[in-house]
Amino acid sequence: MHAPLSRLLALGCVAALAAATLLSPAPASAAPADDVQALYEAAKADLKEKRFVFALKKFKQALALAKDDAENEWRMILGAALAYEQMGQVEFTLEYYRLFLDSVERHRAAVTDKWTNRIRVVEDQVSVLENTLLGERGVIDLNSTPPGARITIDGNMPGADGNATTPFPVYATPGTHVLRVEKDGFAPTELTVQVKLGAREARTVQLAEKRIEGRLMVATGAPDASVKVDGDAVGTGSNVSVKVAAGSHVVRVERTGFKVFEKRVDVGADAMVRVEALLQAEGPGAAAGIGSSEAGAAVAKARAYRAPLWGYLGAGGGAALVVVGGVFTALRNSDVDSIATIDRKNPANLTTAEKRDLLARRNSLSSSVDTKGAVAGVFYGLGGAAIVGSAVYLAFFADWHGAEPAGRAATLPTVMPLPGGAGLSFQGTF
């Protein structure tokens, strides 16, 4: 289907605008000007040879370096828009033209007469491209309170760079779609929308702050001990588990015939804090203990023995974490090889659809490389910390020669309620 004459004229104007932008010299004031200019020249060469995927990548690399230089930033944005346009990516072309206009608003003081003319052309082109998209789709102007929330539509992140945040115009084919909006510190929100051909609808999502919680686990050692947190009764028993808001809390344990136990603890977000309430019997000469003086003496004796076994277990666990980190590193390297394979392909031998698919796959692989590299780093860090901690424990804290309590009488298993079921708690040493 042939484009309307008005659209062809607008495309010609924008092509002339982009060409003028690409041919104009780069300002030399910014700190990374040499790197920006080198990438810019390489991108222009790729455009000339119709290597649009490679040109786009270089324009975006230069854009990341030119953030403190308004004119260079505008040139790179327009270069990326031209690359998307040559690839037939109307939605992404429109997104980058809007990005250019947003940048102009932020740097109004840098606008000269030549840029004023270019701004007018881009504004006209935005209208043309939007009319083109609305001939095939509908649009949801999605916003959120607060703004800056990540967006997905039917499980996919919209936008040229796959990182769209509110406010953002989401173009979609006619029909039913599920939008998801999420922001750190807030509960994610989903909404189902009906998109109509050529229609525009504004939606604003009110995000609710997420309750930041942790968990307190209070070990009393006595089935009749009552537990309070910040003055509120939360349970009775040998082990009491309760969700609390992240922050500081006062734990109080009471039992008939024993002194009140009270302690202030700090609970972090998504953290679990265990409190051991060592209750002391009331009256002169009473021995400290959990449930009885004999049990308390047994626990005290058991704690005097520190078995080297824990050091070995920690070191073994650390080694396992390092191995897992190696697996993620291997997976990351495989993705890097796949990216290199894509970059070696000659765009001249590919159709527009194949180029689009390659770009999408490359972007996905790049994201995967970053994620797997970060995960590998976490496992390496945890594994290394576990190994070093175990070595320190074995060298300085483990009791290699102390007498182990006879019969391990202090190993006292008790059932402790946990979310989703019961758990087993051992009080004492192993």
Protein backbone atom coordinates (compact mmCIF):
# COMPACT_ATOMS: atom_id res chain seq x y z
CA MET A 1 0.00 0.00 0.00
CA HIS A 2 1.45 3.40 -1.03
CA ALA A 3 1.92 6.09 1.63
CA PRO A 4 -0.10 9.29 1.28
CA LEU A 5 1.64 12.11 -0.54
CA SER A 6 1.77 14.20 2.65
CA ARG A 7 3.60 11.44 4.45
CA LEU A 8 6.12 11.08 1.62
CA LEU A 9 6.78 14.83 1.73
CA ALA A 10 7.22 14.72 5.49
CA LEU A 11 9.58 11.78 5.21
CA GLY A 12 11.60 13.75 2.68
CA CYS A 13 11.79 16.70 5.04
CA VAL A 14 12.94 14.54 7.90
CA ALA A 15 15.48 12.77 5.73
CA ALA A 16 16.87 16.16 4.76
CA LEU A 17 16.84 17.21 8.40
CA ALA A 18 18.64 14.06 9.51
CA ALA A 19 21.15 14.41 6.69
CA ALA A 20 21.85 18.01 7.72
CA THR A 21 22.25 16.85 11.29
CA LEU A 22 24.59 14.05 10.32
CA LEU A 23 26.73 16.28 8.11
CA SER A 24 27.08 19.17 10.58
CA PRO A 25 30.30 19.23 12.64
CA ALA A 26 30.17 18.09 16.25
CA PRO A 27 30.83 20.64 19.03
CA ALA A 28 34.22 20.21 20.68
CA SER A 29 33.34 21.39 24.17
CA ALA A 30 32.26 18.15 25.85
CA ALA A 31 34.77 16.03 27.74
CA PRO A 32 34.28 12.79 25.73
CA ALA A 33 34.09 14.69 22.41
CA ASP A 34 36.72 12.53 20.70
CA ASP A 35 34.91 9.30 21.57
CA VAL A 36 31.54 10.77 20.60
CA GLN A 37 32.88 12.03 17.27
CA ALA A 38 34.56 8.69 16.46
CA LEU A 39 31.35 6.76 17.13
CA TYR A 40 29.35 9.34 15.21
CA GLU A 41 31.54 9.06 12.11
CA ALA A 42 31.43 5.27 12.28
CA ALA A 43 27.63 5.35 12.58
CA LYS A 44 27.35 7.63 9.54
CA ALA A 45 29.48 5.18 7.54
CA ASP A 46 27.21 2.31 8.58
CA LEU A 47 24.14 4.30 7.54
CA LYS A 48 25.67 5.02 4.15
CA GLU A 49 26.33 1.30 3.65
CA LYS A 50 22.81 0.46 4.88
CA ARG A 51 24.13 -1.31 7.97
CA PHE A 52 21.32 0.12 10.04
CA VAL A 53 21.59 -2.21 13.04
CA PHE A 54 25.25 -1.33 13.54
CA ALA A 55 24.61 2.38 12.96
CA LEU A 56 21.87 2.32 15.59
CA LYS A 57 24.14 0.68 18.13
CA LYS A 58 26.88 3.29 17.60
CA PHE A 59 24.45 6.22 17.76
CA LYS A 60 23.18 4.94 21.12
CA GLN A 61 26.72 4.44 22.43
CA ALA A 62 27.58 8.01 21.45
CA LEU A 63 24.34 9.24 23.01
CA ALA A 64 25.33 7.72 26.35
CA LEU A 65 28.59 9.71 26.20
CA ALA A 66 26.99 12.97 25.08
CA LYS A 67 24.55 13.48 27.96
CA ASP A 68 26.26 16.71 29.10
CA ASP A 69 26.36 18.22 25.60
CA ALA A 70 22.94 19.29 24.31
CA GLU A 71 23.79 19.58 20.61
CA ASN A 72 25.64 16.27 20.47
CA GLU A 73 22.78 14.63 22.37
CA TRP A 74 20.26 15.94 19.82
CA ARG A 75 22.38 14.79 16.87
CA MET A 76 22.69 11.25 18.25
CA ILE A 77 18.97 11.03 19.00
CA LEU A 78 18.08 12.15 15.47
CA GLY A 79 20.65 9.72 14.05
CA ALA A 80 19.04 6.84 15.96
CA ALA A 81 15.59 7.98 14.79
CA LEU A 82 16.79 7.97 11.18
CA ALA A 83 18.23 4.45 11.60
CA TYR A 84 14.92 3.20 13.00
CA GLU A 85 13.05 4.90 10.15
CA GLN A 86 15.26 3.24 7.55
CA MET A 87 14.54 -0.09 9.23
CA GLY A 88 10.78 0.49 8.98
CA GLN A 89 10.33 0.74 12.77
CA VAL A 90 7.67 3.47 12.83
CA GLU A 91 6.86 3.17 16.55
CA PHE A 92 10.51 3.40 17.60
CA THR A 93 11.15 6.26 15.17
CA LEU A 94 8.28 8.17 16.77
CA GLU A 95 9.64 7.39 20.25
CA TYR A 96 13.06 8.82 19.44
CA TYR A 97 11.61 11.95 17.81
CA ARG A 98 9.67 12.51 21.03
CA LEU A 99 12.84 11.89 23.00
CA PHE A 100 14.48 14.63 20.91
CA LEU A 101 11.66 17.09 21.66
CA ASP A 102 11.85 16.26 25.40
CA SER A 103 15.59 16.91 25.36
CA VAL A 104 15.04 20.23 23.61
CA GLU A 105 12.68 21.28 26.41
CA ARG A 106 15.34 20.44 28.99
CA HIS A 107 18.01 22.45 27.13
CA ARG A 108 16.00 25.40 25.82
CA ALA A 109 18.93 27.78 26.38
CA ALA A 110 20.99 25.84 23.80
CA VAL A 111 18.44 26.15 20.98
CA THR A 112 19.75 28.22 18.05
CA ASP A 113 17.96 29.35 14.87
CA LYS A 114 19.12 26.28 12.92
CA TRP A 115 17.76 23.98 15.63
CA THR A 116 14.48 25.90 15.74
CA ASN A 117 13.84 24.97 12.10
CA ARG A 118 14.72 21.34 12.75
CA ILE A 119 12.42 21.24 15.76
CA ARG A 120 9.49 22.35 13.59
CA VAL A 121 10.19 19.59 11.07
CA VAL A 122 10.36 16.95 13.82
CA GLU A 123 7.08 18.20 15.34
CA ASP A 124 5.39 17.83 11.94
CA GLN A 125 6.85 14.37 11.51
CA VAL A 126 5.59 13.27 14.93
CA SER A 127 2.04 14.07 13.80
CA VAL A 128 2.50 12.17 10.53
CA LEU A 129 3.96 9.07 12.20
CA GLU A 130 1.31 9.03 14.91
CA ASN A 131 -1.46 9.16 12.30
CA THR A 132 0.25 6.28 10.52
CA LEU A 133 0.34 4.17 13.71
CA LEU A 134 -3.26 4.99 14.59
CA GLY A 135 -4.26 3.63 11.21
CA GLU A 136 -3.12 0.21 12.43
CA ARG A 137 -3.38 0.38 16.23
CA GLY A 138 -4.78 2.24 19.21
CA VAL A 139 -2.83 4.00 21.95
CA ILE A 140 -3.03 4.07 25.75
CA ASP A 141 -1.37 7.15 27.25
CA LEU A 142 -0.28 5.42 30.45
CA ASN A 143 0.74 7.36 33.55
CA SER A 144 1.13 6.51 37.22
CA THR A 145 1.20 8.19 40.60
CA PRO A 146 4.06 8.37 41.38
CA PRO A 147 5.57 8.42 37.85
CA GLY A 148 8.64 6.49 36.72
CA ALA A 149 7.03 3.04 37.02
CA ARG A 150 8.10 0.19 34.73
CA ILE A 151 5.56 -0.95 32.14
CA THR A 152 4.81 -4.29 30.53
CA ILE A 153 2.07 -5.12 28.06
CA ASP A 154 1.08 -8.77 27.77
CA GLY A 155 4.36 -9.63 29.53
CA ASN A 156 6.59 -7.60 27.19
CA MET A 157 8.26 -4.27 27.90
CA PRO A 158 7.36 -1.67 25.27
CA GLY A 159 9.74 0.92 23.89
CA ALA A 160 12.75 0.93 21.58
CA ASP A 161 15.11 0.05 24.42
CA GLY A 162 12.73 -2.21 26.36
CA ASN A 163 12.81 0.02 29.45
CA ALA A 164 9.67 2.15 29.13
CA THR A 165 8.49 3.95 32.26
CA THR A 166 5.45 6.09 32.95
CA PRO A 167 4.34 8.42 31.49
CA PHE A 168 4.52 6.57 28.16
CA PRO A 169 2.24 6.10 25.12
CA VAL A 170 1.64 2.37 24.64
CA TYR A 171 0.62 1.47 21.06
CA ALA A 172 -1.20 -1.83 20.70
CA THR A 173 -3.23 -3.76 18.17
CA PRO A 174 -7.02 -3.66 18.60
CA GLY A 175 -8.27 -6.10 21.23
CA THR A 176 -7.78 -6.98 24.89
CA HIS A 177 -4.40 -6.40 26.52
CA VAL A 178 -3.02 -6.64 30.06
CA LEU A 179 -0.87 -3.75 31.29
CA ARG A 180 1.31 -4.14 34.36
CA VAL A 181 2.84 -1.19 36.21
CA GLU A 182 5.45 -1.68 38.93
CA LYS A 183 7.83 0.50 40.91
CA ASP A 184 10.21 -0.34 43.75
CA GLY A 185 8.56 0.21 47.11
CA PHE A 186 5.04 -0.08 45.67
CA ALA A 187 2.68 -2.98 45.03
CA PRO A 188 2.52 -3.88 41.31
CA THR A 189 -0.77 -3.09 39.58
CA GLU A 190 -2.35 -4.80 36.58
CA LEU A 191 -5.19 -3.52 34.44
CA THR A 192 -7.00 -5.01 31.47
CA VAL A 193 -7.70 -2.60 28.62
CA GLN A 194 -9.72 -2.77 25.42
CA VAL A 195 -7.79 -1.10 22.61
CA LYS A 196 -9.78 0.23 19.68
CA LEU A 197 -8.39 0.96 16.24
CA GLY A 198 -7.40 4.61 15.89
CA ALA A 199 -8.57 5.45 19.42
CA ARG A 200 -6.54 7.20 22.11
CA GLU A 201 -7.25 6.66 25.81
CA ALA A 202 -5.53 8.08 28.88
CA ARG A 203 -5.08 5.87 31.95
CA THR A 204 -3.48 6.83 35.27
CA VAL A 205 -2.62 4.12 37.79
CA GLN A 206 -2.50 4.98 41.50
CA LEU A 207 0.27 2.85 43.01
CA ALA A 208 -0.11 1.76 46.63
CA GLU A 209 2.95 1.73 48.85
CA LYS A 210 4.06 -1.79 49.63
CA ARG A 211 4.23 -2.74 53.28
CA ILE A 212 7.88 -3.46 53.93
CA GLU A 213 8.01 -6.41 56.27
CA GLY A 214 10.36 -8.78 58.01
CA ARG A 215 9.83 -11.72 60.34
CA LEU A 216 10.48 -12.19 64.05
CA MET A 217 11.04 -15.70 65.40
CA VAL A 218 10.99 -15.84 69.20
CA ALA A 219 12.29 -19.00 70.90
CA THR A 220 11.06 -19.27 74.49
CA GLY A 221 11.69 -22.96 75.17
CA ALA A 222 8.43 -23.16 77.14
CA PRO A 223 4.99 -24.09 75.77
CA ASP A 224 3.21 -21.76 78.24
CA ALA A 225 5.33 -18.64 77.60
CA SER A 226 3.40 -15.71 76.06
CA VAL A 227 5.05 -13.38 73.53
CA LYS A 228 4.25 -9.73 72.90
CA VAL A 229 5.66 -7.43 70.23
CA ASP A 230 5.37 -3.68 70.86
CA GLY A 231 2.80 -4.45 73.56
CA ASP A 232 0.55 -6.61 71.36
CA ALA A 233 0.14 -10.32 72.12
CA VAL A 234 1.31 -12.35 69.12
CA GLY A 235 1.33 -15.93 70.43
CA THR A 236 2.08 -18.49 73.10
CA GLY A 237 4.49 -21.42 72.91
CA SER A 238 8.06 -22.62 72.67
CA ASN A 239 8.57 -20.89 69.31
CA VAL A 240 6.48 -17.98 68.02
CA SER A 241 6.83 -16.61 64.50
CA VAL A 242 5.23 -13.31 63.42
CA LYS A 243 5.45 -10.85 60.51
CA VAL A 244 6.30 -7.28 61.49
CA ALA A 245 6.94 -4.01 59.69
CA ALA A 246 10.60 -3.36 58.98
CA GLY A 247 12.15 -1.29 61.78
CA SER A 248 12.69 -1.38 65.53
CA HIS A 249 10.47 -3.51 67.79
CA VAL A 250 10.30 -4.47 71.48
CA VAL A 251 9.92 -8.20 72.18
CA ARG A 252 8.49 -9.16 75.59
CA VAL A 253 8.16 -12.74 76.88
CA GLU A 254 6.20 -13.58 80.04
CA ARG A 255 5.83 -16.85 81.95
CA THR A 256 4.38 -17.54 85.38
CA GLY A 257 7.15 -18.06 87.92
CA PHE A 258 9.81 -16.48 85.73
CA LYS A 259 11.20 -13.00 85.30
CA VAL A 260 9.95 -11.00 82.30
CA PHE A 261 12.28 -11.08 79.31
CA GLU A 262 12.37 -7.91 77.17
CA LYS A 263 14.60 -6.96 74.27
CA ARG A 264 14.60 -4.35 71.47
CA VAL A 265 15.52 -5.68 68.03
CA ASP A 266 15.83 -4.21 64.54
CA VAL A 267 14.17 -6.09 61.68
CA GLY A 268 15.19 -5.37 58.09
CA ALA A 269 13.02 -5.58 54.98
CA ASP A 270 12.47 -9.23 53.97
CA ALA A 271 14.80 -10.27 56.83
CA MET A 272 14.26 -12.86 59.55
CA VAL A 273 15.48 -12.11 63.09
CA ARG A 274 15.61 -14.85 65.74
CA VAL A 275 15.31 -13.90 69.40
CA GLU A 276 16.23 -16.39 72.12
CA ALA A 277 14.40 -15.58 75.35
CA LEU A 278 16.42 -17.03 78.24
CA LEU A 279 13.93 -16.90 81.10
CA GLN A 280 15.15 -16.76 84.68
CA ALA A 281 13.15 -18.32 87.51
CA GLU A 282 12.01 -15.88 90.18
CA GLY A 283 13.17 -16.06 93.81
CA PRO A 284 16.55 -16.02 95.58
CA GLY A 285 19.18 -18.46 94.32
CA ALA A 286 17.09 -19.37 91.24
CA ALA A 287 19.14 -20.71 88.36
CA ALA A 288 18.81 -19.31 84.84
CA GLY A 289 17.32 -21.66 82.33
CA ILE A 290 14.74 -22.36 79.70
CA GLY A 291 11.94 -24.28 81.38
CA SER A 292 14.11 -25.46 84.36
CA SER A 293 17.52 -24.98 85.95
CA GLU A 294 18.66 -28.40 84.71
CA ALA A 295 17.76 -27.58 81.10
CA GLY A 296 19.45 -24.19 81.39
CA ALA A 297 22.62 -25.78 82.72
CA ALA A 298 22.62 -28.30 79.88
CA VAL A 299 22.24 -25.56 77.27
CA ALA A 300 24.99 -23.49 78.88
CA LYS A 301 27.30 -26.51 78.88
CA ALA A 302 26.46 -27.32 75.26
CA ARG A 303 27.24 -23.77 74.17
CA ALA A 304 30.75 -24.06 75.61
CA TYR A 305 31.60 -26.55 72.91
CA ARG A 306 32.06 -25.20 69.39
CA ALA A 307 32.34 -28.05 66.90
CA PRO A 308 34.68 -27.66 63.85
CA LEU A 309 31.94 -29.35 61.78
CA TRP A 310 30.22 -26.01 61.17
CA GLY A 311 33.39 -24.61 59.62
CA TYR A 312 33.59 -27.53 57.20
CA LEU A 313 29.92 -27.19 56.27
CA GLY A 314 30.33 -23.46 55.64
CA ALA A 315 33.39 -23.98 53.44
CA GLY A 316 31.60 -26.70 51.46
CA GLY A 317 28.58 -24.47 50.97
CA GLY A 318 30.83 -21.62 49.81
CA ALA A 319 32.51 -23.88 47.26
CA ALA A 320 29.10 -24.93 45.94
CA LEU A 321 28.11 -21.27 45.51
CA VAL A 322 31.33 -20.59 43.57
CA VAL A 323 30.52 -23.52 41.26
CA VAL A 324 27.05 -22.08 40.61
CA GLY A 325 28.69 -18.75 39.81
CA GLY A 326 30.87 -20.55 37.26
CA VAL A 327 27.77 -22.02 35.61
CA PHE A 328 26.24 -18.57 35.19
CA THR A 329 29.55 -17.27 33.84
CA ALA A 330 29.56 -20.03 31.21
CA LEU A 331 25.96 -19.17 30.24
CA ARG A 332 26.90 -15.50 29.98
CA ASN A 333 29.89 -16.28 27.75
CA SER A 334 27.60 -18.32 25.49
CA ASP A 335 25.34 -15.27 25.08
CA VAL A 336 28.38 -13.09 24.32
CA ASP A 337 29.36 -15.53 21.54
CA SER A 338 25.81 -15.36 20.16
CA ILE A 339 26.00 -11.55 20.08
CA ALA A 340 29.31 -11.72 18.23
CA THR A 341 27.72 -14.06 15.68
CA ILE A 342 24.89 -11.57 15.11
CA ASP A 343 27.34 -8.66 14.72
CA ARG A 344 29.24 -10.57 12.02
CA LYS A 345 26.17 -10.89 9.81
CA ASN A 346 26.12 -8.64 6.75
CA PRO A 347 22.96 -6.47 6.87
CA ALA A 348 23.02 -6.14 3.09
CA ASN A 349 22.05 -9.81 2.83
CA LEU A 350 19.12 -9.51 5.24
CA THR A 351 15.50 -8.49 4.78
CA THR A 352 13.93 -5.75 6.91
CA ALA A 353 12.10 -8.36 8.98
CA GLU A 354 15.31 -10.32 9.54
CA LYS A 355 17.12 -7.15 10.62
CA ARG A 356 14.32 -6.35 13.03
CA ASP A 357 14.42 -9.86 14.48
CA LEU A 358 18.22 -9.71 14.80
CA LEU A 359 18.02 -6.38 16.62
CA ALA A 360 15.40 -7.72 19.02
CA ARG A 361 17.45 -10.87 19.67
CA ARG A 362 20.62 -8.85 20.18
CA ASN A 363 18.89 -6.56 22.68
CA SER A 364 17.55 -9.61 24.53
CA LEU A 365 20.99 -11.25 24.59
CA SER A 366 22.63 -8.03 25.83
CA SER A 367 20.16 -7.87 28.71
CA SER A 368 20.78 -11.56 29.43
CA VAL A 369 24.56 -11.01 29.49
CA ASP A 370 24.19 -8.24 32.09
CA THR A 371 21.79 -10.28 34.23
CA LYS A 372 23.84 -13.49 34.18
CA GLY A 373 27.04 -11.57 34.87
CA ALA A 374 25.42 -9.91 37.90
CA VAL A 375 24.05 -13.24 39.19
CA ALA A 376 27.45 -14.88 38.77
CA GLY A 377 29.04 -12.03 40.72
CA VAL A 378 26.57 -12.49 43.57
CA PHE A 379 27.28 -16.23 43.79
CA TYR A 380 31.05 -15.64 43.65
CA GLY A 381 30.76 -13.02 46.41
CA LEU A 382 28.58 -15.18 48.66
CA GLY A 383 30.74 -18.25 48.07
CA GLY A 384 33.96 -16.36 48.77
CA ALA A 385 32.50 -14.82 51.93
CA ALA A 386 31.35 -18.24 53.17
CA ILE A 387 34.77 -19.80 52.53
CA VAL A 388 36.65 -16.93 54.22
CA GLY A 389 34.22 -16.88 57.15
CA SER A 390 34.56 -20.64 57.62
CA ALA A 391 38.35 -20.39 57.52
CA VAL A 392 38.29 -17.68 60.19
CA TYR A 393 35.90 -19.78 62.31
CA LEU A 394 38.08 -22.87 62.04
CA ALA A 395 41.27 -20.91 62.76
CA PHE A 396 40.13 -18.85 65.71
CA PHE A 397 36.80 -19.98 67.14
CA ALA A 398 36.30 -23.74 66.71
CA ASP A 399 37.00 -25.78 69.84
CA TRP A 400 39.26 -28.58 68.59
CA HIS A 401 40.13 -29.94 72.01
CA GLY A 402 37.24 -29.05 74.31
CA ALA A 403 35.08 -31.78 75.77
CA GLU A 404 31.83 -32.34 73.89
CA PRO A 405 28.77 -32.58 76.17
CA ALA A 406 28.07 -36.18 77.00
CA GLY A 407 25.28 -37.68 74.96
CA ARG A 408 24.61 -34.26 73.37
CA ALA A 409 21.86 -33.86 75.92
CA ALA A 410 21.41 -30.20 74.94
CA THR A 411 20.08 -30.99 71.46
CA LEU A 412 16.39 -30.28 72.01
CA PRO A 413 14.17 -30.44 68.90
CA THR A 414 10.95 -28.43 68.93
CA VAL A 415 8.29 -27.81 66.29
CA MET A 416 8.08 -24.18 65.18
CA PRO A 417 5.25 -22.77 62.99
CA LEU A 418 6.41 -21.17 59.76
CA PRO A 419 4.55 -19.60 56.83
CA GLY A 420 3.10 -22.38 54.68
CA GLY A 421 3.75 -25.19 57.19
CA ALA A 422 5.76 -26.30 60.18
CA GLY A 423 9.51 -26.27 60.64
CA LEU A 424 11.91 -28.02 63.00
CA SER A 425 14.09 -26.01 65.37
CA PHE A 426 17.05 -27.42 67.33
CA GLN A 427 18.20 -25.71 70.46
CA GLY A 428 21.73 -26.51 71.42
CA THR A 429 24.71 -27.81 69.42
CA PHE A 430 25.23 -30.66 66.96
